[in-house]
Protein backbone atom coordinates (compact mmCIF):
# COMPACT_ATOMS: atom_id res chain seq x y z
CA MET A 1 -18.18 18.47 -2.94
CA PRO A 2 -14.53 19.55 -2.89
CA LEU A 3 -12.14 17.15 -1.21
CA GLN A 4 -11.68 17.72 2.50
CA HIS A 5 -8.19 16.17 2.37
CA LYS A 6 -6.07 17.37 -0.54
CA ALA A 7 -2.50 17.05 -1.75
CA ALA A 8 -0.08 19.14 0.28
CA GLY A 9 1.69 20.28 -2.88
CA ASN A 10 0.86 20.65 -6.57
CA ALA A 11 0.64 16.87 -7.08
CA PRO A 12 -0.30 13.79 -5.04
CA GLU A 13 2.53 12.17 -3.10
CA THR A 14 3.60 8.96 -4.85
CA ILE A 15 4.08 6.00 -2.51
CA ALA A 16 4.60 2.29 -3.24
CA LEU A 17 3.61 -0.94 -1.53
CA TYR A 18 6.68 -2.92 -0.39
CA GLU A 19 6.91 -6.65 0.43
CA ALA A 20 9.54 -7.35 3.10
CA TRP A 21 9.56 -11.14 3.03
CA PHE A 22 12.29 -11.93 0.49
CA GLY A 23 15.06 -14.04 1.90
CA HIS A 24 12.57 -16.11 3.89
CA PRO A 25 12.45 -19.76 2.72
CA LYS A 26 8.66 -19.67 2.21
CA HIS A 27 9.06 -17.15 -0.59
CA ILE A 28 10.72 -17.25 -4.00
CA SER A 29 14.30 -16.13 -4.47
CA VAL A 30 14.58 -12.72 -6.11
CA GLY A 31 18.31 -12.29 -5.72
CA TYR A 32 18.28 -10.26 -2.51
CA SER A 33 17.21 -10.36 1.12
CA SER A 34 14.75 -7.87 2.59
CA GLN A 35 17.10 -7.77 5.59
CA ASP A 36 20.19 -6.63 3.69
CA PRO A 37 20.77 -2.98 4.74
CA ALA A 38 22.79 -2.24 1.61
CA GLU A 39 19.97 -3.58 -0.58
CA LEU A 40 17.41 -1.46 1.25
CA VAL A 41 19.47 1.69 0.66
CA LYS A 42 19.81 0.76 -3.01
CA GLN A 43 16.05 0.29 -3.38
CA ILE A 44 15.25 3.51 -1.55
CA ARG A 45 17.57 5.50 -3.80
CA GLN A 46 16.12 3.81 -6.88
CA ALA A 47 12.57 4.61 -5.75
CA LYS A 48 13.46 8.25 -5.02
CA ALA A 49 14.87 8.55 -8.55
CA MET A 50 11.47 7.38 -9.86
CA GLY A 51 9.61 10.05 -7.87
CA ILE A 52 8.47 7.74 -5.07
CA SER A 53 8.62 9.30 -1.61
CA ALA A 54 7.63 6.40 0.67
CA PHE A 55 7.43 2.62 0.91
CA VAL A 56 4.25 1.21 2.50
CA VAL A 57 5.52 -2.00 4.09
CA ASP A 58 3.20 -4.98 4.45
CA TRP A 59 3.36 -5.90 8.18
CA TYR A 60 1.86 -8.78 10.16
CA GLY A 61 2.69 -7.97 13.77
CA ASP A 62 4.35 -10.79 15.71
CA ARG A 63 2.78 -13.39 13.39
CA GLN A 64 5.71 -12.85 11.01
CA PRO A 65 8.93 -12.10 12.96
CA PHE A 66 11.02 -12.09 9.77
CA ILE A 67 8.89 -9.30 8.27
CA ASP A 68 8.88 -7.38 11.53
CA ARG A 69 12.69 -7.39 11.52
CA SER A 70 12.70 -6.31 7.87
CA TYR A 71 10.38 -3.43 8.71
CA ALA A 72 12.68 -2.25 11.49
CA LEU A 73 15.64 -2.20 9.11
CA MET A 74 13.62 -0.36 6.47
CA GLN A 75 12.50 2.35 8.88
CA THR A 76 16.08 2.96 9.98
CA ALA A 77 17.33 3.01 6.38
CA ALA A 78 14.53 5.39 5.37
CA ALA A 79 15.50 7.83 8.12
CA ASN A 80 19.14 7.80 7.04
CA GLU A 81 18.15 8.37 3.39
CA LYS A 82 15.57 11.09 4.10
CA PHE A 83 12.88 8.79 2.71
CA GLN A 84 9.53 7.86 4.26
CA VAL A 85 8.01 4.60 5.42
CA ALA A 86 4.50 3.54 6.43
CA MET A 87 2.89 0.34 7.64
CA MET A 88 0.14 -1.64 5.93
CA TYR A 89 -1.46 -3.88 8.55
CA ASP A 90 -2.17 -7.31 7.10
CA GLU A 91 -5.18 -8.50 9.09
CA THR A 92 -5.29 -12.08 10.35
CA ASP A 93 -7.65 -14.46 8.57
CA GLU A 94 -8.39 -16.31 11.82
CA GLU A 95 -11.99 -15.95 13.00
CA GLU A 96 -11.28 -16.22 16.72
CA GLY A 97 -9.42 -13.42 18.45
CA ALA A 98 -8.93 -11.17 15.40
CA THR A 99 -9.86 -7.99 17.26
CA ASP A 100 -7.66 -8.77 20.27
CA GLU A 101 -4.78 -9.56 17.93
CA ALA A 102 -5.19 -6.31 16.00
CA ILE A 103 -5.27 -4.32 19.24
CA ALA A 104 -2.11 -6.06 20.47
CA ASP A 105 -0.38 -5.54 17.10
CA PHE A 106 -1.26 -1.85 16.92
CA THR A 107 -0.07 -1.36 20.48
CA MET A 108 3.21 -3.12 19.65
CA PHE A 109 3.70 -1.05 16.51
CA HIS A 110 3.03 2.21 18.31
CA GLU A 111 5.51 1.44 21.07
CA THR A 112 8.19 -0.05 18.80
CA TYR A 113 8.09 2.19 15.73
CA LEU A 114 6.14 5.40 16.38
CA SER A 115 7.38 6.43 19.80
CA SER A 116 9.97 9.18 20.09
CA LYS A 117 12.50 6.56 21.21
CA ALA A 118 11.97 4.31 18.16
CA PRO A 119 14.93 4.16 15.72
CA GLY A 120 14.00 6.03 12.55
CA HIS A 121 10.59 7.18 13.85
CA GLN A 122 11.10 10.55 12.13
CA ALA A 123 10.86 8.77 8.74
CA TYR A 124 7.30 7.58 9.33
CA LEU A 125 4.83 8.90 6.75
CA THR A 126 2.51 11.58 8.08
CA TYR A 127 -0.31 13.64 6.62
CA GLU A 128 -1.44 16.84 8.31
CA GLY A 129 0.84 15.93 11.21
CA ARG A 130 -0.62 12.46 11.85
CA PRO A 131 0.88 9.03 10.99
CA VAL A 132 -0.76 7.17 8.11
CA ILE A 133 -1.56 3.46 8.57
CA PHE A 134 -3.02 1.33 5.77
CA ILE A 135 -5.23 -1.74 6.34
CA PHE A 136 -5.21 -4.85 4.15
CA PRO A 137 -8.29 -6.91 5.14
CA LYS A 138 -8.05 -10.70 5.20
CA GLY A 139 -10.56 -12.64 7.31
CA LYS A 140 -12.66 -9.53 8.00
CA HIS A 141 -13.32 -10.66 11.57
CA THR A 142 -11.83 -7.57 13.24
CA ASP A 143 -14.04 -5.09 15.05
CA TRP A 144 -12.46 -1.92 13.71
CA ASP A 145 -14.56 0.31 15.93
CA LYS A 146 -12.66 -1.13 18.91
CA VAL A 147 -9.30 -0.62 17.17
CA ARG A 148 -10.32 2.95 16.35
CA ALA A 149 -11.14 3.56 20.01
CA LEU A 150 -7.67 2.32 20.95
CA VAL A 151 -5.69 4.44 18.49
CA ASN A 152 -7.72 7.53 19.34
CA LYS A 153 -6.02 7.40 22.75
CA TRP A 154 -2.54 7.73 21.22
CA SER A 155 -0.90 11.11 21.74
CA VAL A 156 -1.14 11.59 17.96
CA PRO A 157 -3.96 9.42 16.56
CA PRO A 158 -3.19 7.92 13.14
CA TRP A 159 -5.15 8.07 9.94
CA LEU A 160 -6.51 4.57 9.20
CA ILE A 161 -6.95 3.88 5.48
CA GLU A 162 -8.69 0.70 4.32
CA GLU A 163 -8.87 -1.15 1.01
CA ASN A 164 -11.82 -0.71 -1.37
CA LEU A 165 -15.00 1.30 -0.84
CA PRO A 166 -16.41 2.03 2.64
CA GLY A 167 -18.30 -0.86 4.21
CA GLN A 168 -19.40 -2.02 7.66
CA TYR A 169 -16.84 0.03 9.60
CA ALA A 170 -16.85 3.13 7.40
CA GLU A 171 -16.76 5.47 10.39
CA ALA A 172 -13.71 3.74 11.88
CA PHE A 173 -11.61 4.58 8.82
CA ASP A 174 -10.33 7.95 7.65
CA GLY A 175 -9.73 6.96 4.04
CA PHE A 176 -9.74 4.27 1.39
CA TYR A 177 -7.55 2.97 -1.43
CA PRO A 178 -8.23 0.72 -4.45
CA TRP A 179 -6.28 -2.52 -4.86
CA VAL A 180 -5.10 -4.16 -8.08
CA GLN A 181 -7.91 -6.26 -9.55
CA PRO A 182 -9.83 -6.72 -12.82
CA GLY A 183 -13.25 -5.59 -11.56
CA GLU A 184 -16.66 -7.14 -12.16
CA LYS A 185 -15.59 -8.61 -15.50
CA GLY A 186 -13.28 -10.97 -13.63
CA TRP A 187 -9.89 -12.35 -14.58
CA ALA A 188 -9.56 -12.73 -18.35
CA ALA A 189 -7.38 -15.52 -19.73
CA ASP A 190 -5.50 -12.99 -21.87
CA GLY A 191 -5.22 -10.49 -19.00
CA SER A 192 -7.20 -7.84 -20.86
CA ASN A 193 -9.39 -6.89 -17.89
CA TRP A 194 -7.00 -4.45 -16.25
CA GLY A 195 -9.44 -2.83 -13.81
CA ASP A 196 -10.88 0.20 -15.60
CA GLN A 197 -14.46 -0.48 -14.48
CA TYR A 198 -13.33 -1.07 -10.90
CA LEU A 199 -11.24 2.10 -10.71
CA ASN A 200 -13.95 4.23 -12.31
CA GLU A 201 -16.49 2.99 -9.77
CA PHE A 202 -14.07 3.55 -6.88
CA TYR A 203 -13.20 7.14 -7.84
CA GLU A 204 -16.74 8.12 -8.81
CA THR A 205 -18.22 6.74 -5.57
CA MET A 206 -15.53 8.25 -3.34
CA HIS A 207 -15.78 11.63 -5.08
CA SER A 208 -19.57 11.82 -4.99
CA LYS A 209 -20.29 10.26 -1.57
CA PHE A 210 -17.14 10.29 0.55
CA SER A 211 -15.28 13.50 -0.28
CA ASP A 212 -14.73 13.95 3.46
CA LYS A 213 -12.42 10.90 3.52
CA ILE A 214 -8.78 10.59 2.45
CA ILE A 215 -8.89 9.19 -1.09
CA VAL A 216 -5.81 7.33 -2.31
CA GLY A 217 -5.22 6.63 -5.98
CA GLY A 218 -4.22 3.14 -7.14
CA VAL A 219 -1.63 2.39 -9.84
CA TRP A 220 -0.49 -0.98 -11.17
CA ALA A 221 1.49 -2.26 -14.12
CA SER A 222 0.42 -5.91 -14.34
CA PHE A 223 -0.53 -9.00 -12.34
CA ASP A 224 0.61 -12.61 -12.73
CA ASP A 225 0.56 -14.93 -9.72
CA SER A 226 2.01 -17.96 -11.55
CA LYS A 227 5.21 -17.85 -9.45
CA ALA A 228 3.36 -17.79 -6.14
CA SER A 229 2.80 -20.92 -4.08
CA TRP A 230 -0.84 -19.79 -3.74
CA SER A 231 -1.28 -19.23 -7.49
CA LEU A 232 -4.84 -19.10 -8.84
CA ASN A 233 -3.65 -18.50 -12.41
CA ARG A 234 -4.77 -14.87 -12.39
CA HIS A 235 -3.40 -12.40 -14.90
CA ILE A 236 -3.57 -8.73 -15.86
CA SER A 237 -1.56 -7.93 -18.97
CA ALA A 238 0.99 -5.13 -18.88
CA ARG A 239 -0.10 -4.25 -22.44
CA CYS A 240 3.36 -2.90 -23.24
CA GLY A 241 3.14 -0.43 -20.36
CA GLN A 242 -0.35 0.80 -21.18
CA THR A 243 -1.84 -0.68 -18.00
CA TYR A 244 0.57 1.36 -15.89
CA SER A 245 -0.16 4.47 -17.93
CA ASP A 246 -3.93 4.03 -17.77
CA THR A 247 -4.06 3.36 -14.02
CA SER A 248 -1.67 6.26 -13.41
CA ASN A 249 -3.94 8.70 -15.22
CA LEU A 250 -7.48 7.49 -14.55
CA TRP A 251 -7.94 9.41 -11.28
CA HIS A 252 -7.48 12.70 -13.22
CA LYS A 253 -10.93 12.08 -14.73
CA TYR A 254 -12.57 12.76 -11.35
CA PHE A 255 -10.21 15.12 -9.54
CA PRO A 256 -9.25 18.44 -11.21
CA PRO A 257 -5.92 20.26 -10.66
CA ASP A 258 -7.37 22.36 -7.83
CA ASP A 259 -8.76 19.30 -6.00
CA LEU A 260 -5.93 16.75 -5.99
CA LEU A 261 -5.70 13.47 -4.09
CA PRO A 262 -3.14 13.50 -1.26
CA PHE A 263 -1.60 10.14 -2.27
CA VAL A 264 -1.25 7.79 -5.21
CA MET A 265 -0.01 4.29 -4.33
CA ILE A 266 1.88 2.07 -6.78
CA GLU A 267 0.90 -1.56 -6.29
CA THR A 268 3.57 -2.77 -6.00
CA TRP A 269 7.28 -1.98 -5.77
CA ASN A 270 8.47 -5.57 -5.42
CA ASP A 271 5.80 -8.27 -5.22
CA HIS A 272 7.46 -10.56 -7.75
CA GLU A 273 5.29 -13.50 -6.70
CA GLU A 274 2.13 -11.82 -7.98
CA GLY A 275 3.83 -10.13 -10.91
CA THR A 276 3.09 -6.55 -9.89
CA ALA A 277 6.66 -5.39 -9.17
CA ILE A 278 8.02 -2.27 -10.86
CA GLU A 279 11.45 -2.20 -9.20
CA ASP A 280 13.01 -3.63 -12.37
CA GLY A 281 11.27 -1.02 -14.51
CA ILE A 282 7.88 -0.29 -16.05
CA PRO A 283 6.91 -2.98 -18.59
CA SER A 284 7.27 -2.02 -22.25
CA CYS A 285 7.51 -3.66 -25.65
CA GLY A 286 10.19 -1.51 -27.23
CA PRO A 287 13.92 -2.19 -27.64
CA GLY A 288 15.38 -3.51 -24.40
CA ALA A 289 11.86 -4.04 -23.08
CA GLN A 290 11.34 -5.22 -19.52
């Protein structure tokens, strides 16, 4: 079936996942703070030059006050730079109270960042006139049907887009996105499993069974969590830029020019701890290679 939700223009909108925790002592030093307004403007302008139209900022509600402050600064900067910003809700991994916490967090976000009085609210990413919110599942203890019931009461209900293929709460979500991973083959020591099987399965399944949902493309350049405090020694090789090229183009196999995805998300702009960042350039092996 043709896609129910297509690109607004002649190509999908390119967005990028953004980590807003740098400058906090629990994270590695990358040479800047996520709360430096001048740095945020610099990154926004750099992203726009690369064809990126929005940052999707990883957000934890009041569990991470530092990141919440960083998000506020990013939304204001985005509005001033005629850029866009969206929130990716990082679900709690606590078993008790996950649903109540999600409801409280969504209520807080709506009042603080989406209301007409919120600084920079006009920069928030919308699709077909509705705000777009991404979900990053953690503990998977949230009752998303209850969260859906809450957000449906907002004056403009958001699109809720979850990671991976539809599961238990398929009806609560409006769309789905793939996330950087090697697939069923698992993590190879040499990083050669870059996710082709996983992406093929995601696109084929979404196209054939869930064409009524918003389908988001996934793009990544590499993965290496050796710098992270939670490292599991996982690796996806950049293959001299081929991984970025392959993930950028694979969705074309399933979606023709007259049936384009509304969004393609780069994963990530600046997660230097898991080695997926592209803000310093796309990896290559030529002269002056990154």
